[in-house]
Amino acid sequence: MRQEIITWNQVDQLIDHLMPQFDKEFDALLMITCGGIIPGGMLAEAMHINQILTASVDFPSEIHTPSDASKHKMAAWPYFLQFPEESLVRGKRILIVDDVWGSGRTINAVRSRLSGMAAMPLTCVLHFNPHRNLFAPSRPNYYAAITDAYIVYPWEISRGPEGILPGK
């Protein structure tokens, strides 16, 4: 898989590309950990959103079915490690932010749970990968770029080349 390393300047450009897309105001912004923390903070600051929420979602790496003990990683149900209380989101327009929409499992799990709490969720990512999307024709409401690459953001790079070289 092709890898693309993004600089801080490119992140700023992606945020600048997102800003004119927002045709609504939001009551709150929900950042998905860990990837959505930095872009979510940048968007919250730029949009003057003061109610900031976080969600942390985990998918078990494997599932053992009783019948054949086979592994079906993509069929795993989400486990919410952290999620806002219903009273914080009910009836509110919520912007969900993550860094990338690859398979779409995480952001769609968050969106579905918010919808179930009578919130009005909209999704936003820096990069959308339609080639990995498991929820087509669904796609992010807002995205800055389309890619088929594995994106490495500047907050993910460990200091030194061993953090970004394949196979290290």
C-alpha atoms as a PDB file:
ATOM      1  CA  MET A   1       0.000   0.000   0.000  1.00  0.00           C
ATOM      2  CA  ARG A   2       1.245   3.438  -0.900  1.00  0.00           C
ATOM      3  CA  GLN A   3       2.144   5.589   2.096  1.00  0.00           C
ATOM      4  CA  GLU A   4       1.861   9.381   2.233  1.00  0.00           C
ATOM      5  CA  ILE A   5       3.476  11.449   4.964  1.00  0.00           C
ATOM      6  CA  ILE A   6       1.582  14.662   5.707  1.00  0.00           C
ATOM      7  CA  THR A   7       3.293  17.780   7.066  1.00  0.00           C
ATOM      8  CA  TRP A   8       1.875  20.301   9.520  1.00  0.00           C
ATOM      9  CA  ASN A   9       1.596  22.797   6.665  1.00  0.00           C
ATOM     10  CA  GLN A  10      -0.485  20.286   4.699  1.00  0.00           C
ATOM     11  CA  VAL A  11      -2.733  19.754   7.744  1.00  0.00           C
ATOM     12  CA  ASP A  12      -3.310  23.528   7.861  1.00  0.00           C
ATOM     13  CA  GLN A  13      -4.217  23.441   4.165  1.00  0.00           C
ATOM     14  CA  LEU A  14      -6.651  20.573   4.727  1.00  0.00           C
ATOM     15  CA  ILE A  15      -8.347  22.502   7.552  1.00  0.00           C
ATOM     16  CA  ASP A  16      -8.526  25.576   5.296  1.00  0.00           C
ATOM     17  CA  HIS A  17     -10.162  23.411   2.621  1.00  0.00           C
ATOM     18  CA  LEU A  18     -12.778  22.137   5.082  1.00  0.00           C
ATOM     19  CA  MET A  19     -13.848  25.491   6.532  1.00  0.00           C
ATOM     20  CA  PRO A  20     -15.884  26.804   3.557  1.00  0.00           C
ATOM     21  CA  GLN A  21     -17.763  23.492   3.339  1.00  0.00           C
ATOM     22  CA  PHE A  22     -19.584  24.010   6.633  1.00  0.00           C
ATOM     23  CA  ASP A  23     -23.003  25.379   5.751  1.00  0.00           C
ATOM     24  CA  LYS A  24     -24.404  24.863   9.249  1.00  0.00           C
ATOM     25  CA  GLU A  25     -23.514  25.798  12.780  1.00  0.00           C
ATOM     26  CA  PHE A  26     -22.861  23.047  15.272  1.00  0.00           C
ATOM     27  CA  ASP A  27     -23.821  22.853  18.930  1.00  0.00           C
ATOM     28  CA  ALA A  28     -20.864  20.625  19.755  1.00  0.00           C
ATOM     29  CA  LEU A  29     -17.879  18.904  18.232  1.00  0.00           C
ATOM     30  CA  LEU A  30     -17.087  15.274  19.037  1.00  0.00           C
ATOM     31  CA  MET A  31     -13.493  14.160  18.473  1.00  0.00           C
ATOM     32  CA  ILE A  32     -12.802  10.464  17.983  1.00  0.00           C
ATOM     33  CA  THR A  33      -9.673   9.388  19.827  1.00  0.00           C
ATOM     34  CA  CYS A  34      -6.887   9.335  18.926  1.00  0.00           C
ATOM     35  CA  GLY A  35      -6.873  10.485  15.301  1.00  0.00           C
ATOM     36  CA  GLY A  36      -9.579  13.126  15.635  1.00  0.00           C
ATOM     37  CA  ILE A  37      -8.067  14.985  18.598  1.00  0.00           C
ATOM     38  CA  ILE A  38      -5.753  17.322  16.690  1.00  0.00           C
ATOM     39  CA  PRO A  39      -7.928  18.070  13.637  1.00  0.00           C
ATOM     40  CA  GLY A  40     -10.950  18.349  15.950  1.00  0.00           C
ATOM     41  CA  GLY A  41      -9.166  20.863  18.150  1.00  0.00           C
ATOM     42  CA  MET A  42      -8.090  22.881  15.122  1.00  0.00           C
ATOM     43  CA  LEU A  43     -11.639  22.917  13.740  1.00  0.00           C
ATOM     44  CA  ALA A  44     -13.195  23.760  17.118  1.00  0.00           C
ATOM     45  CA  GLU A  45     -10.858  26.740  17.446  1.00  0.00           C
ATOM     46  CA  ALA A  46     -11.494  27.943  13.887  1.00  0.00           C
ATOM     47  CA  MET A  47     -15.271  27.523  14.214  1.00  0.00           C
ATOM     48  CA  HIS A  48     -15.501  28.892  17.778  1.00  0.00           C
ATOM     49  CA  ILE A  49     -17.146  25.727  19.088  1.00  0.00           C
ATOM     50  CA  ASN A  50     -16.879  25.595  22.864  1.00  0.00           C
ATOM     51  CA  GLN A  51     -18.606  22.302  23.636  1.00  0.00           C
ATOM     52  CA  ILE A  52     -15.966  19.667  22.910  1.00  0.00           C
ATOM     53  CA  LEU A  53     -16.720  15.976  23.440  1.00  0.00           C
ATOM     54  CA  THR A  54     -14.701  12.813  22.898  1.00  0.00           C
ATOM     55  CA  ALA A  55     -15.483   9.236  21.974  1.00  0.00           C
ATOM     56  CA  SER A  56     -13.134   6.292  22.166  1.00  0.00           C
ATOM     57  CA  VAL A  57     -14.081   3.172  20.221  1.00  0.00           C
ATOM     58  CA  ASP A  58     -12.392  -0.193  20.059  1.00  0.00           C
ATOM     59  CA  PHE A  59     -13.101  -3.137  17.811  1.00  0.00           C
ATOM     60  CA  PRO A  60     -11.914  -6.530  19.048  1.00  0.00           C
ATOM     61  CA  SER A  61      -9.147  -7.788  16.780  1.00  0.00           C
ATOM     62  CA  GLU A  62     -10.833 -11.157  16.405  1.00  0.00           C
ATOM     63  CA  ILE A  63     -14.106 -12.874  17.120  1.00  0.00           C
ATOM     64  CA  HIS A  64     -14.466 -16.561  17.819  1.00  0.00           C
ATOM     65  CA  THR A  65     -17.792 -17.928  16.691  1.00  0.00           C
ATOM     66  CA  PRO A  66     -19.050 -20.873  18.719  1.00  0.00           C
ATOM     67  CA  SER A  67     -19.721 -22.992  15.623  1.00  0.00           C
ATOM     68  CA  ASP A  68     -16.354 -22.905  13.888  1.00  0.00           C
ATOM     69  CA  ALA A  69     -14.038 -20.670  15.929  1.00  0.00           C
ATOM     70  CA  SER A  70     -13.136 -18.760  12.757  1.00  0.00           C
ATOM     71  CA  LYS A  71     -11.901 -15.195  12.893  1.00  0.00           C
ATOM     72  CA  HIS A  72     -14.062 -12.414  11.431  1.00  0.00           C
ATOM     73  CA  LYS A  73     -12.293  -9.219  12.383  1.00  0.00           C
ATOM     74  CA  MET A  74     -14.435  -6.865  10.307  1.00  0.00           C
ATOM     75  CA  ALA A  75     -17.670  -8.234  11.802  1.00  0.00           C
ATOM     76  CA  ALA A  76     -16.752  -7.209  15.355  1.00  0.00           C
ATOM     77  CA  TRP A  77     -19.186  -5.036  17.283  1.00  0.00           C
ATOM     78  CA  PRO A  78     -17.729  -1.781  18.596  1.00  0.00           C
ATOM     79  CA  TYR A  79     -16.806  -1.415  22.228  1.00  0.00           C
ATOM     80  CA  PHE A  80     -17.158   2.174  23.448  1.00  0.00           C
ATOM     81  CA  LEU A  81     -14.412   2.914  25.949  1.00  0.00           C
ATOM     82  CA  GLN A  82     -15.611   6.506  26.336  1.00  0.00           C
ATOM     83  CA  PHE A  83     -18.735   8.253  25.073  1.00  0.00           C
ATOM     84  CA  PRO A  84     -20.663  11.400  26.073  1.00  0.00           C
ATOM     85  CA  GLU A  85     -23.762  11.100  28.220  1.00  0.00           C
ATOM     86  CA  GLU A  86     -27.050  11.350  26.342  1.00  0.00           C
ATOM     87  CA  SER A  87     -27.939  14.612  28.114  1.00  0.00           C
ATOM     88  CA  LEU A  88     -24.946  16.287  26.427  1.00  0.00           C
ATOM     89  CA  VAL A  89     -25.972  15.377  22.878  1.00  0.00           C
ATOM     90  CA  ARG A  90     -29.760  14.934  22.761  1.00  0.00           C
ATOM     91  CA  GLY A  91     -31.312  17.294  20.219  1.00  0.00           C
ATOM     92  CA  LYS A  92     -27.960  18.859  19.297  1.00  0.00           C
ATOM     93  CA  ARG A  93     -26.242  19.172  15.952  1.00  0.00           C
ATOM     94  CA  ILE A  94     -22.902  17.391  16.485  1.00  0.00           C
ATOM     95  CA  LEU A  95     -19.860  17.503  14.188  1.00  0.00           C
ATOM     96  CA  ILE A  96     -17.969  14.200  14.501  1.00  0.00           C
ATOM     97  CA  VAL A  97     -14.281  14.600  13.599  1.00  0.00           C
ATOM     98  CA  ASP A  98     -11.670  11.958  12.826  1.00  0.00           C
ATOM     99  CA  ASP A  99      -8.483  12.063  10.803  1.00  0.00           C
ATOM    100  CA  VAL A 100      -9.400   9.528   8.132  1.00  0.00           C
ATOM    101  CA  TRP A 101     -12.389   7.532   6.907  1.00  0.00           C
ATOM    102  CA  GLY A 102     -10.860   4.245   5.789  1.00  0.00           C
ATOM    103  CA  SER A 103     -13.277   1.362   6.308  1.00  0.00           C
ATOM    104  CA  GLY A 104     -15.674   3.791   8.025  1.00  0.00           C
ATOM    105  CA  ARG A 105     -16.387   1.424  10.926  1.00  0.00           C
ATOM    106  CA  THR A 106     -15.364   3.746  13.755  1.00  0.00           C
ATOM    107  CA  ILE A 107     -17.010   6.952  12.586  1.00  0.00           C
ATOM    108  CA  ASN A 108     -20.202   5.131  11.578  1.00  0.00           C
ATOM    109  CA  ALA A 109     -20.388   3.409  14.968  1.00  0.00           C
ATOM    110  CA  VAL A 110     -20.149   6.834  16.628  1.00  0.00           C
ATOM    111  CA  ARG A 111     -22.667   8.379  14.240  1.00  0.00           C
ATOM    112  CA  SER A 112     -25.154   5.544  14.831  1.00  0.00           C
ATOM    113  CA  ARG A 113     -24.850   5.794  18.593  1.00  0.00           C
ATOM    114  CA  LEU A 114     -25.382   9.578  18.477  1.00  0.00           C
ATOM    115  CA  SER A 115     -28.419   9.128  16.230  1.00  0.00           C
ATOM    116  CA  GLY A 116     -29.788   6.646  18.756  1.00  0.00           C
ATOM    117  CA  MET A 117     -29.459   9.374  21.394  1.00  0.00           C
ATOM    118  CA  ALA A 118     -31.584  11.765  19.277  1.00  0.00           C
ATOM    119  CA  ALA A 119     -28.600  13.869  18.213  1.00  0.00           C
ATOM    120  CA  MET A 120     -28.101  15.193  14.682  1.00  0.00           C
ATOM    121  CA  PRO A 121     -24.596  13.938  13.788  1.00  0.00           C
ATOM    122  CA  LEU A 122     -22.570  14.966  10.760  1.00  0.00           C
ATOM    123  CA  THR A 123     -19.175  13.472   9.925  1.00  0.00           C
ATOM    124  CA  CYS A 124     -15.924  15.210   9.028  1.00  0.00           C
ATOM    125  CA  VAL A 125     -12.480  13.811   8.175  1.00  0.00           C
ATOM    126  CA  LEU A 126      -9.277  15.121   6.687  1.00  0.00           C
ATOM    127  CA  HIS A 127      -8.949  12.164   4.286  1.00  0.00           C
ATOM    128  CA  PHE A 128     -11.577   9.906   2.755  1.00  0.00           C
ATOM    129  CA  ASN A 129     -10.530   6.579   1.211  1.00  0.00           C
ATOM    130  CA  PRO A 130     -13.464   5.411  -0.939  1.00  0.00           C
ATOM    131  CA  HIS A 131     -11.549   2.255  -1.930  1.00  0.00           C
ATOM    132  CA  ARG A 132     -11.651   0.896   1.652  1.00  0.00           C
ATOM    133  CA  ASN A 133     -15.129   2.184   2.543  1.00  0.00           C
ATOM    134  CA  LEU A 134     -17.362  -0.603   3.851  1.00  0.00           C
ATOM    135  CA  PHE A 135     -20.420   1.668   3.988  1.00  0.00           C
ATOM    136  CA  ALA A 136     -20.776   2.743   0.352  1.00  0.00           C
ATOM    137  CA  PRO A 137     -22.626   4.678  -0.845  1.00  0.00           C
ATOM    138  CA  SER A 138     -22.324   6.418   2.532  1.00  0.00           C
ATOM    139  CA  ARG A 139     -19.409   8.829   2.803  1.00  0.00           C
ATOM    140  CA  PRO A 140     -18.332  11.649   5.114  1.00  0.00           C
ATOM    141  CA  ASN A 141     -20.504  14.752   5.114  1.00  0.00           C
ATOM    142  CA  TYR A 142     -17.309  16.824   4.979  1.00  0.00           C
ATOM    143  CA  TYR A 143     -13.808  15.826   3.877  1.00  0.00           C
ATOM    144  CA  ALA A 144     -10.741  17.707   2.703  1.00  0.00           C
ATOM    145  CA  ALA A 145      -9.151  15.134   0.372  1.00  0.00           C
ATOM    146  CA  ILE A 146      -9.712  11.755  -1.272  1.00  0.00           C
ATOM    147  CA  THR A 147      -6.882   9.243  -1.106  1.00  0.00           C
ATOM    148  CA  ASP A 148      -5.993   5.627  -1.718  1.00  0.00           C
ATOM    149  CA  ALA A 149      -2.816   5.882   0.379  1.00  0.00           C
ATOM    150  CA  TYR A 150      -2.062   5.016   3.974  1.00  0.00           C
ATOM    151  CA  ILE A 151      -1.782   8.488   5.530  1.00  0.00           C
ATOM    152  CA  VAL A 152       0.800   9.267   8.207  1.00  0.00           C
ATOM    153  CA  TYR A 153      -0.009  12.515  10.011  1.00  0.00           C
ATOM    154  CA  PRO A 154       2.666  14.657  11.666  1.00  0.00           C
ATOM    155  CA  TRP A 155       1.393  13.767  15.144  1.00  0.00           C
ATOM    156  CA  GLU A 156       1.934  10.068  14.341  1.00  0.00           C
ATOM    157  CA  ILE A 157       5.566  10.282  13.314  1.00  0.00           C
ATOM    158  CA  SER A 158       7.973   9.290  16.037  1.00  0.00           C
ATOM    159  CA  ARG A 159      11.074  11.401  16.091  1.00  0.00           C
ATOM    160  CA  GLY A 160      13.546   9.769  13.725  1.00  0.00           C
ATOM    161  CA  PRO A 161      13.273   7.917  10.420  1.00  0.00           C
ATOM    162  CA  GLU A 162      12.602   4.498  11.994  1.00  0.00           C
ATOM    163  CA  GLY A 163       9.091   5.713  12.860  1.00  0.00           C
ATOM    164  CA  ILE A 164       8.117   6.223   9.238  1.00  0.00           C
ATOM    165  CA  LEU A 165      10.052   3.621   7.293  1.00  0.00           C
ATOM    166  CA  PRO A 166       8.103   0.496   6.256  1.00  0.00           C
ATOM    167  CA  GLY A 167       9.083  -2.661   8.086  1.00  0.00           C
ATOM    168  CA  LYS A 168      10.542  -0.887  11.095  1.00  0.00           C
END
